[in-house]
C-alpha atoms as a PDB file:
ATOM      1  CA  UNK A   1     -30.516 -14.714 -23.860  1.00  0.00           C
ATOM      2  CA  UNK A   2     -30.300 -11.667 -21.581  1.00  0.00           C
ATOM      3  CA  UNK A   3     -31.105  -9.293 -24.447  1.00  0.00           C
ATOM      4  CA  UNK A   4     -34.206 -11.290 -25.272  1.00  0.00           C
ATOM      5  CA  UNK A   5     -35.368 -11.238 -21.666  1.00  0.00           C
ATOM      6  CA  UNK A   6     -34.910  -7.444 -21.532  1.00  0.00           C
ATOM      7  CA  UNK A   7     -36.890  -6.970 -24.723  1.00  0.00           C
ATOM      8  CA  UNK A   8     -39.654  -9.308 -23.413  1.00  0.00           C
ATOM      9  CA  UNK A   9     -39.850  -7.376 -20.250  1.00  0.00           C
ATOM     10  CA  UNK A  10     -39.990  -4.002 -22.049  1.00  0.00           C
ATOM     11  CA  UNK A  11     -42.704  -5.391 -24.244  1.00  0.00           C
ATOM     12  CA  UNK A  12     -44.705  -6.716 -21.270  1.00  0.00           C
ATOM     13  CA  UNK A  13     -44.268  -3.315 -19.548  1.00  0.00           C
ATOM     14  CA  UNK A  14     -45.439  -1.435 -22.654  1.00  0.00           C
ATOM     15  CA  UNK A  15     -48.408  -3.825 -22.986  1.00  0.00           C
ATOM     16  CA  UNK A  16     -49.463  -3.408 -19.384  1.00  0.00           C
ATOM     17  CA  UNK A  17     -49.101   0.389 -19.639  1.00  0.00           C
ATOM     18  CA  UNK A  18     -51.164   0.400 -22.868  1.00  0.00           C
ATOM     19  CA  UNK A  19     -53.835  -1.736 -21.189  1.00  0.00           C
ATOM     20  CA  UNK A  20     -54.100   0.620 -18.272  1.00  0.00           C
ATOM     21  CA  UNK A  21     -54.400   3.624 -20.530  1.00  0.00           C
ATOM     22  CA  UNK A  22     -57.094   1.886 -22.680  1.00  0.00           C
ATOM     23  CA  UNK A  23     -59.065   1.083 -19.484  1.00  0.00           C
ATOM     24  CA  UNK A  24     -58.595   4.581 -18.076  1.00  0.00           C
ATOM     25  CA  UNK A  25     -59.701   6.015 -21.438  1.00  0.00           C
ATOM     26  CA  UNK A  26     -62.725   3.786 -21.612  1.00  0.00           C
ATOM     27  CA  UNK A  27     -63.860   4.766 -18.066  1.00  0.00           C
ATOM     28  CA  UNK A  28     -63.784   8.522 -19.003  1.00  0.00           C
ATOM     29  CA  UNK A  29     -66.992  10.500 -19.776  1.00  0.00           C
ATOM     30  CA  UNK A  30     -67.592  10.785 -23.483  1.00  0.00           C
ATOM     31  CA  UNK A  31     -66.962  14.601 -23.482  1.00  0.00           C
ATOM     32  CA  UNK A  32     -63.581  14.144 -21.677  1.00  0.00           C
ATOM     33  CA  UNK A  33     -62.713  11.355 -24.142  1.00  0.00           C
ATOM     34  CA  UNK A  34     -63.334  13.719 -27.037  1.00  0.00           C
ATOM     35  CA  UNK A  35     -61.221  16.523 -25.564  1.00  0.00           C
ATOM     36  CA  UNK A  36     -58.339  14.033 -24.854  1.00  0.00           C
ATOM     37  CA  UNK A  37     -58.543  12.596 -28.358  1.00  0.00           C
ATOM     38  CA  UNK A  38     -58.589  16.035 -29.925  1.00  0.00           C
ATOM     39  CA  UNK A  39     -55.700  17.286 -27.737  1.00  0.00           C
ATOM     40  CA  UNK A  40     -53.578  14.187 -28.688  1.00  0.00           C
ATOM     41  CA  UNK A  41     -54.239  14.547 -32.365  1.00  0.00           C
ATOM     42  CA  UNK A  42     -53.387  18.279 -32.192  1.00  0.00           C
ATOM     43  CA  UNK A  43     -50.083  17.580 -30.434  1.00  0.00           C
ATOM     44  CA  UNK A  44     -49.123  14.941 -32.975  1.00  0.00           C
ATOM     45  CA  UNK A  45     -50.075  17.314 -35.761  1.00  0.00           C
ATOM     46  CA  UNK A  46     -47.932  20.156 -34.288  1.00  0.00           C
ATOM     47  CA  UNK A  47     -44.963  17.793 -33.855  1.00  0.00           C
ATOM     48  CA  UNK A  48     -45.122  16.800 -37.483  1.00  0.00           C
ATOM     49  CA  UNK A  49     -45.240  20.450 -38.526  1.00  0.00           C
ATOM     50  CA  UNK A  50     -42.357  21.452 -36.181  1.00  0.00           C
ATOM     51  CA  UNK A  51     -40.170  18.672 -37.542  1.00  0.00           C
ATOM     52  CA  UNK A  52     -40.905  19.451 -41.261  1.00  0.00           C
ATOM     53  CA  UNK A  53     -42.835  16.256 -41.778  1.00  0.00           C
ATOM     54  CA  UNK A  54     -45.967  18.018 -42.677  1.00  0.00           C
ATOM     55  CA  UNK A  55     -46.656  21.396 -44.295  1.00  0.00           C
ATOM     56  CA  UNK A  56     -47.428  24.032 -41.685  1.00  0.00           C
ATOM     57  CA  UNK A  57     -51.040  25.079 -41.467  1.00  0.00           C
ATOM     58  CA  UNK A  58     -51.818  28.373 -43.318  1.00  0.00           C
ATOM     59  CA  UNK A  59     -52.598  30.215 -40.066  1.00  0.00           C
ATOM     60  CA  UNK A  60     -48.900  29.965 -39.141  1.00  0.00           C
ATOM     61  CA  UNK A  61     -47.359  30.811 -42.581  1.00  0.00           C
ATOM     62  CA  UNK A  62     -45.570  34.164 -42.170  1.00  0.00           C
ATOM     63  CA  UNK A  63     -45.223  34.916 -45.911  1.00  0.00           C
ATOM     64  CA  UNK A  64     -48.930  34.332 -46.549  1.00  0.00           C
ATOM     65  CA  UNK A  65     -49.225  37.120 -49.163  1.00  0.00           C
ATOM     66  CA  UNK A  66     -47.268  34.950 -51.540  1.00  0.00           C
ATOM     67  CA  UNK A  67     -49.670  32.093 -51.486  1.00  0.00           C
ATOM     68  CA  UNK A  68     -52.878  34.059 -50.637  1.00  0.00           C
ATOM     69  CA  UNK A  69     -52.536  37.282 -52.556  1.00  0.00           C
ATOM     70  CA  UNK A  70     -56.276  38.064 -52.161  1.00  0.00           C
ATOM     71  CA  UNK A  71     -55.647  38.669 -48.386  1.00  0.00           C
ATOM     72  CA  UNK A  72     -53.385  41.638 -49.303  1.00  0.00           C
ATOM     73  CA  UNK A  73     -56.412  43.203 -51.076  1.00  0.00           C
ATOM     74  CA  UNK A  74     -58.590  42.678 -48.011  1.00  0.00           C
ATOM     75  CA  UNK A  75     -55.983  44.139 -45.669  1.00  0.00           C
ATOM     76  CA  UNK A  76     -55.376  47.173 -47.976  1.00  0.00           C
ATOM     77  CA  UNK A  77     -59.102  47.938 -47.979  1.00  0.00           C
ATOM     78  CA  UNK A  78     -59.708  47.234 -44.384  1.00  0.00           C
ATOM     79  CA  UNK A  79     -60.343  50.961 -43.750  1.00  0.00           C
ATOM     80  CA  UNK A  80     -63.148  50.964 -46.286  1.00  0.00           C
ATOM     81  CA  UNK A  81     -64.755  47.892 -44.772  1.00  0.00           C
ATOM     82  CA  UNK A  82     -64.535  49.335 -41.347  1.00  0.00           C
ATOM     83  CA  UNK A  83     -65.995  52.674 -42.485  1.00  0.00           C
ATOM     84  CA  UNK A  84     -68.947  50.915 -44.078  1.00  0.00           C
ATOM     85  CA  UNK A  85     -69.626  48.996 -40.893  1.00  0.00           C
ATOM     86  CA  UNK A  86     -69.469  52.237 -38.824  1.00  0.00           C
ATOM     87  CA  UNK A  87     -71.834  54.014 -41.128  1.00  0.00           C
ATOM     88  CA  UNK A  88     -74.422  51.350 -40.247  1.00  0.00           C
ATOM     89  CA  UNK A  89     -74.427  52.734 -36.763  1.00  0.00           C
ATOM     90  CA  UNK A  90     -76.106  55.883 -37.965  1.00  0.00           C
ATOM     91  CA  UNK A  91     -79.451  54.106 -37.619  1.00  0.00           C
ATOM     92  CA  UNK A  92     -79.104  54.872 -33.890  1.00  0.00           C
ATOM     93  CA  UNK A  93     -80.556  58.326 -34.693  1.00  0.00           C
ATOM     94  CA  UNK A  94     -83.744  56.707 -35.792  1.00  0.00           C
ATOM     95  CA  UNK A  95     -84.218  54.565 -32.673  1.00  0.00           C
ATOM     96  CA  UNK A  96     -87.431  55.020 -30.621  1.00  0.00           C
ATOM     97  CA  UNK A  97     -87.170  57.656 -27.975  1.00  0.00           C
ATOM     98  CA  UNK A  98     -88.308  56.582 -24.495  1.00  0.00           C
ATOM     99  CA  UNK A  99     -90.834  59.473 -24.450  1.00  0.00           C
ATOM    100  CA  UNK A 100     -92.536  57.964 -27.489  1.00  0.00           C
ATOM    101  CA  UNK A 101     -93.608  54.850 -25.545  1.00  0.00           C
ATOM    102  CA  UNK A 102     -97.307  54.409 -24.989  1.00  0.00           C
ATOM    103  CA  UNK A 103     -98.890  53.267 -21.745  1.00  0.00           C
ATOM    104  CA  UNK A 104     -97.398  49.720 -21.078  1.00  0.00           C
ATOM    105  CA  UNK A 105     -94.843  50.149 -23.844  1.00  0.00           C
ATOM    106  CA  UNK A 106     -91.417  48.620 -23.335  1.00  0.00           C
ATOM    107  CA  UNK A 107     -87.963  49.580 -24.726  1.00  0.00           C
ATOM    108  CA  UNK A 108     -85.250  46.831 -24.622  1.00  0.00           C
ATOM    109  CA  UNK A 109     -81.639  47.908 -24.721  1.00  0.00           C
ATOM    110  CA  UNK A 110     -78.683  45.530 -25.366  1.00  0.00           C
ATOM    111  CA  UNK A 111     -75.007  46.303 -25.586  1.00  0.00           C
ATOM    112  CA  UNK A 112     -71.701  44.522 -25.105  1.00  0.00           C
ATOM    113  CA  UNK A 113     -70.241  44.358 -21.594  1.00  0.00           C
ATOM    114  CA  UNK A 114     -66.779  42.670 -22.180  1.00  0.00           C
ATOM    115  CA  UNK A 115     -65.182  40.024 -19.944  1.00  0.00           C
ATOM    116  CA  UNK A 116     -65.134  37.632 -22.872  1.00  0.00           C
ATOM    117  CA  UNK A 117     -62.699  36.193 -25.428  1.00  0.00           C
ATOM    118  CA  UNK A 118     -63.526  39.040 -27.876  1.00  0.00           C
ATOM    119  CA  UNK A 119     -62.230  41.559 -25.470  1.00  0.00           C
ATOM    120  CA  UNK A 120     -59.140  39.326 -24.763  1.00  0.00           C
ATOM    121  CA  UNK A 121     -58.215  39.462 -28.449  1.00  0.00           C
ATOM    122  CA  UNK A 122     -58.294  43.282 -28.421  1.00  0.00           C
ATOM    123  CA  UNK A 123     -56.304  43.457 -25.194  1.00  0.00           C
ATOM    124  CA  UNK A 124     -53.658  41.096 -26.493  1.00  0.00           C
ATOM    125  CA  UNK A 125     -52.920  43.785 -29.154  1.00  0.00           C
ATOM    126  CA  UNK A 126     -53.757  46.862 -27.041  1.00  0.00           C
ATOM    127  CA  UNK A 127     -53.012  45.977 -23.473  1.00  0.00           C
ATOM    128  CA  UNK A 128     -55.259  47.613 -20.947  1.00  0.00           C
ATOM    129  CA  UNK A 129     -57.942  48.537 -23.485  1.00  0.00           C
ATOM    130  CA  UNK A 130     -61.323  48.943 -21.801  1.00  0.00           C
ATOM    131  CA  UNK A 131     -64.016  49.857 -24.365  1.00  0.00           C
ATOM    132  CA  UNK A 132     -66.966  48.834 -22.113  1.00  0.00           C
ATOM    133  CA  UNK A 133     -66.813  51.344 -19.351  1.00  0.00           C
ATOM    134  CA  UNK A 134     -70.572  52.100 -19.281  1.00  0.00           C
ATOM    135  CA  UNK A 135     -72.784  49.523 -17.597  1.00  0.00           C
ATOM    136  CA  UNK A 136     -76.548  49.006 -18.003  1.00  0.00           C
ATOM    137  CA  UNK A 137     -76.843  50.724 -14.576  1.00  0.00           C
ATOM    138  CA  UNK A 138     -74.987  53.742 -15.787  1.00  0.00           C
ATOM    139  CA  UNK A 139     -77.249  53.919 -18.843  1.00  0.00           C
ATOM    140  CA  UNK A 140     -80.484  53.841 -16.801  1.00  0.00           C
ATOM    141  CA  UNK A 141     -79.191  56.486 -14.444  1.00  0.00           C
ATOM    142  CA  UNK A 142     -78.442  58.712 -17.400  1.00  0.00           C
ATOM    143  CA  UNK A 143     -81.911  58.168 -18.862  1.00  0.00           C
ATOM    144  CA  UNK A 144     -83.581  58.985 -15.460  1.00  0.00           C
ATOM    145  CA  UNK A 145     -81.506  62.141 -15.195  1.00  0.00           C
ATOM    146  CA  UNK A 146     -82.366  63.109 -18.823  1.00  0.00           C
ATOM    147  CA  UNK A 147     -86.126  62.540 -18.189  1.00  0.00           C
ATOM    148  CA  UNK A 148     -86.110  64.616 -14.960  1.00  0.00           C
ATOM    149  CA  UNK A 149     -89.479  64.799 -13.297  1.00  0.00           C
ATOM    150  CA  UNK A 150     -91.020  62.665 -16.216  1.00  0.00           C
ATOM    151  CA  UNK A 151     -88.936  59.640 -14.846  1.00  0.00           C
ATOM    152  CA  UNK A 152     -91.666  58.826 -12.456  1.00  0.00           C
ATOM    153  CA  UNK A 153     -93.815  57.681 -15.350  1.00  0.00           C
ATOM    154  CA  UNK A 154     -91.438  54.815 -16.245  1.00  0.00           C
ATOM    155  CA  UNK A 155     -90.089  51.681 -14.803  1.00  0.00           C
ATOM    156  CA  UNK A 156     -86.275  51.067 -15.159  1.00  0.00           C
ATOM    157  CA  UNK A 157     -85.275  47.398 -14.880  1.00  0.00           C
ATOM    158  CA  UNK A 158     -81.587  46.506 -14.930  1.00  0.00           C
ATOM    159  CA  UNK A 159     -82.200  43.094 -13.427  1.00  0.00           C
ATOM    160  CA  UNK A 160     -79.589  40.740 -11.910  1.00  0.00           C
ATOM    161  CA  UNK A 161     -76.627  39.468 -13.886  1.00  0.00           C
ATOM    162  CA  UNK A 162     -78.063  35.972 -14.195  1.00  0.00           C
ATOM    163  CA  UNK A 163     -81.021  37.431 -16.142  1.00  0.00           C
ATOM    164  CA  UNK A 164     -79.537  40.484 -17.864  1.00  0.00           C
ATOM    165  CA  UNK A 165     -76.147  39.142 -19.062  1.00  0.00           C
ATOM    166  CA  UNK A 166     -76.175  36.545 -21.860  1.00  0.00           C
ATOM    167  CA  UNK A 167     -73.672  35.034 -24.191  1.00  0.00           C
ATOM    168  CA  UNK A 168     -73.540  35.419 -27.975  1.00  0.00           C
ATOM    169  CA  UNK A 169     -71.596  32.695 -29.710  1.00  0.00           C
ATOM    170  CA  UNK A 170     -70.071  33.008 -33.150  1.00  0.00           C
ATOM    171  CA  UNK A 171     -71.626  29.961 -34.680  1.00  0.00           C
ATOM    172  CA  UNK A 172     -69.823  30.450 -37.970  1.00  0.00           C
ATOM    173  CA  UNK A 173     -66.632  29.400 -36.181  1.00  0.00           C
ATOM    174  CA  UNK A 174     -65.844  25.695 -35.520  1.00  0.00           C
ATOM    175  CA  UNK A 175     -67.258  24.422 -32.265  1.00  0.00           C
ATOM    176  CA  UNK A 176     -63.776  23.219 -31.273  1.00  0.00           C
ATOM    177  CA  UNK A 177     -60.815  25.257 -32.367  1.00  0.00           C
ATOM    178  CA  UNK A 178     -57.543  23.311 -32.660  1.00  0.00           C
ATOM    179  CA  UNK A 179     -53.993  24.261 -33.482  1.00  0.00           C
ATOM    180  CA  UNK A 180     -54.908  24.099 -37.162  1.00  0.00           C
ATOM    181  CA  UNK A 181     -56.948  27.336 -37.377  1.00  0.00           C
ATOM    182  CA  UNK A 182     -57.570  28.555 -40.899  1.00  0.00           C
ATOM    183  CA  UNK A 183     -56.743  32.111 -41.869  1.00  0.00           C
ATOM    184  CA  UNK A 184     -60.313  32.874 -42.771  1.00  0.00           C
ATOM    185  CA  UNK A 185     -61.453  31.910 -39.375  1.00  0.00           C
ATOM    186  CA  UNK A 186     -58.815  34.195 -37.773  1.00  0.00           C
ATOM    187  CA  UNK A 187     -59.889  37.108 -39.973  1.00  0.00           C
ATOM    188  CA  UNK A 188     -63.537  36.526 -39.062  1.00  0.00           C
ATOM    189  CA  UNK A 189     -62.779  36.421 -35.366  1.00  0.00           C
ATOM    190  CA  UNK A 190     -60.524  39.426 -35.470  1.00  0.00           C
ATOM    191  CA  UNK A 191     -63.009  41.564 -37.465  1.00  0.00           C
ATOM    192  CA  UNK A 192     -65.792  40.632 -35.067  1.00  0.00           C
ATOM    193  CA  UNK A 193     -63.685  41.445 -31.981  1.00  0.00           C
ATOM    194  CA  UNK A 194     -62.485  44.853 -33.189  1.00  0.00           C
ATOM    195  CA  UNK A 195     -65.908  45.793 -34.422  1.00  0.00           C
ATOM    196  CA  UNK A 196     -67.619  45.048 -31.127  1.00  0.00           C
ATOM    197  CA  UNK A 197     -64.869  46.935 -29.265  1.00  0.00           C
ATOM    198  CA  UNK A 198     -65.195  49.838 -31.847  1.00  0.00           C
ATOM    199  CA  UNK A 199     -61.484  50.254 -32.368  1.00  0.00           C
ATOM    200  CA  UNK A 200     -60.828  53.393 -34.466  1.00  0.00           C
ATOM    201  CA  UNK A 201     -59.300  53.246 -37.963  1.00  0.00           C
ATOM    202  CA  UNK A 202     -56.020  54.928 -36.918  1.00  0.00           C
ATOM    203  CA  UNK A 203     -55.159  52.301 -34.381  1.00  0.00           C
ATOM    204  CA  UNK A 204     -56.268  49.466 -36.730  1.00  0.00           C
ATOM    205  CA  UNK A 205     -54.053  50.790 -39.467  1.00  0.00           C
ATOM    206  CA  UNK A 206     -51.078  50.575 -37.217  1.00  0.00           C
ATOM    207  CA  UNK A 207     -51.480  46.835 -36.694  1.00  0.00           C
ATOM    208  CA  UNK A 208     -52.879  45.625 -39.994  1.00  0.00           C
ATOM    209  CA  UNK A 209     -50.094  44.278 -42.138  1.00  0.00           C
ATOM    210  CA  UNK A 210     -48.302  42.943 -39.067  1.00  0.00           C
ATOM    211  CA  UNK A 211     -48.720  39.313 -38.119  1.00  0.00           C
ATOM    212  CA  UNK A 212     -49.140  39.918 -34.457  1.00  0.00           C
ATOM    213  CA  UNK A 213     -52.828  40.536 -34.472  1.00  0.00           C
ATOM    214  CA  UNK A 214     -53.670  37.200 -36.222  1.00  0.00           C
ATOM    215  CA  UNK A 215     -51.311  35.348 -33.773  1.00  0.00           C
ATOM    216  CA  UNK A 216     -53.097  37.001 -30.880  1.00  0.00           C
ATOM    217  CA  UNK A 217     -56.424  35.970 -32.279  1.00  0.00           C
ATOM    218  CA  UNK A 218     -55.255  32.399 -32.688  1.00  0.00           C
ATOM    219  CA  UNK A 219     -53.898  32.292 -29.061  1.00  0.00           C
ATOM    220  CA  UNK A 220     -57.262  33.356 -27.710  1.00  0.00           C
ATOM    221  CA  UNK A 221     -59.252  30.923 -29.854  1.00  0.00           C
ATOM    222  CA  UNK A 222     -57.106  28.086 -28.757  1.00  0.00           C
ATOM    223  CA  UNK A 223     -57.372  29.065 -25.131  1.00  0.00           C
ATOM    224  CA  UNK A 224     -61.111  29.105 -25.137  1.00  0.00           C
ATOM    225  CA  UNK A 225     -61.929  26.704 -27.949  1.00  0.00           C
ATOM    226  CA  UNK A 226     -64.353  29.163 -29.594  1.00  0.00           C
ATOM    227  CA  UNK A 227     -65.318  32.869 -29.730  1.00  0.00           C
ATOM    228  CA  UNK A 228     -68.196  34.483 -27.850  1.00  0.00           C
ATOM    229  CA  UNK A 229     -69.297  37.832 -26.570  1.00  0.00           C
ATOM    230  CA  UNK A 230     -71.055  38.766 -23.436  1.00  0.00           C
ATOM    231  CA  UNK A 231     -73.982  41.255 -23.684  1.00  0.00           C
ATOM    232  CA  UNK A 232     -76.227  42.874 -21.144  1.00  0.00           C
ATOM    233  CA  UNK A 233     -79.837  43.857 -21.399  1.00  0.00           C
ATOM    234  CA  UNK A 234     -82.074  46.336 -19.728  1.00  0.00           C
ATOM    235  CA  UNK A 235     -85.700  47.433 -20.072  1.00  0.00           C
ATOM    236  CA  UNK A 236     -87.396  50.782 -19.735  1.00  0.00           C
ATOM    237  CA  UNK A 237     -91.238  50.522 -19.710  1.00  0.00           C
ATOM    238  CA  UNK A 238     -93.937  53.233 -19.404  1.00  0.00           C
ATOM    239  CA  UNK A 239     -96.376  52.807 -16.585  1.00  0.00           C
ATOM    240  CA  UNK A 240    -100.064  52.313 -17.190  1.00  0.00           C
ATOM    241  CA  UNK A 241    -101.636  55.515 -15.997  1.00  0.00           C
END
């Protein structure tokens, strides 16, 4: 009789706790509900993986070359891919010179400024890396100096951060990244991060083939839920004389 009473009390307690949790869940905003649901599913999924009840997601398979031999080909030819991307930067030599602007003409400049998940990925692998040391203000000062006396013919607009700085999201990635991140997603995020940061081939060769760079990418994606880059813009315009 005592055992049945204890079981009954436990069941009542569990029922009351479940009811409270359900009511609390229902009172949450829809966005918060979605996050809580996703987090719970991810934790259950990870627990099943850790206890061998479910096959571990490919993003965390160490011996991935055995099951995905095509990735070895991509890694072996990473230097070629990187070189082709860098060659595209040669078009900078054909960009319009400020002096070619006509009266009222405008030249818009955009470049990455860091302080984003992309830079975090790079810094996880190379701590202290700071590829974005030149701000839009520095660029405009250099342009003024280069123009010399002719600078008075132009307007130089760096604008405030809330107008000049904008966010570029990688829309090819899932809007919500969970613990189950696919290897292709990790490669896409990694390649984007090192390309924006312009990491040279020599340093890339030292980390490609090791698992650490993909683990670092996964950690940053899980921390932020997606990947984005911050860019800043500035405008040089010629005055109407």
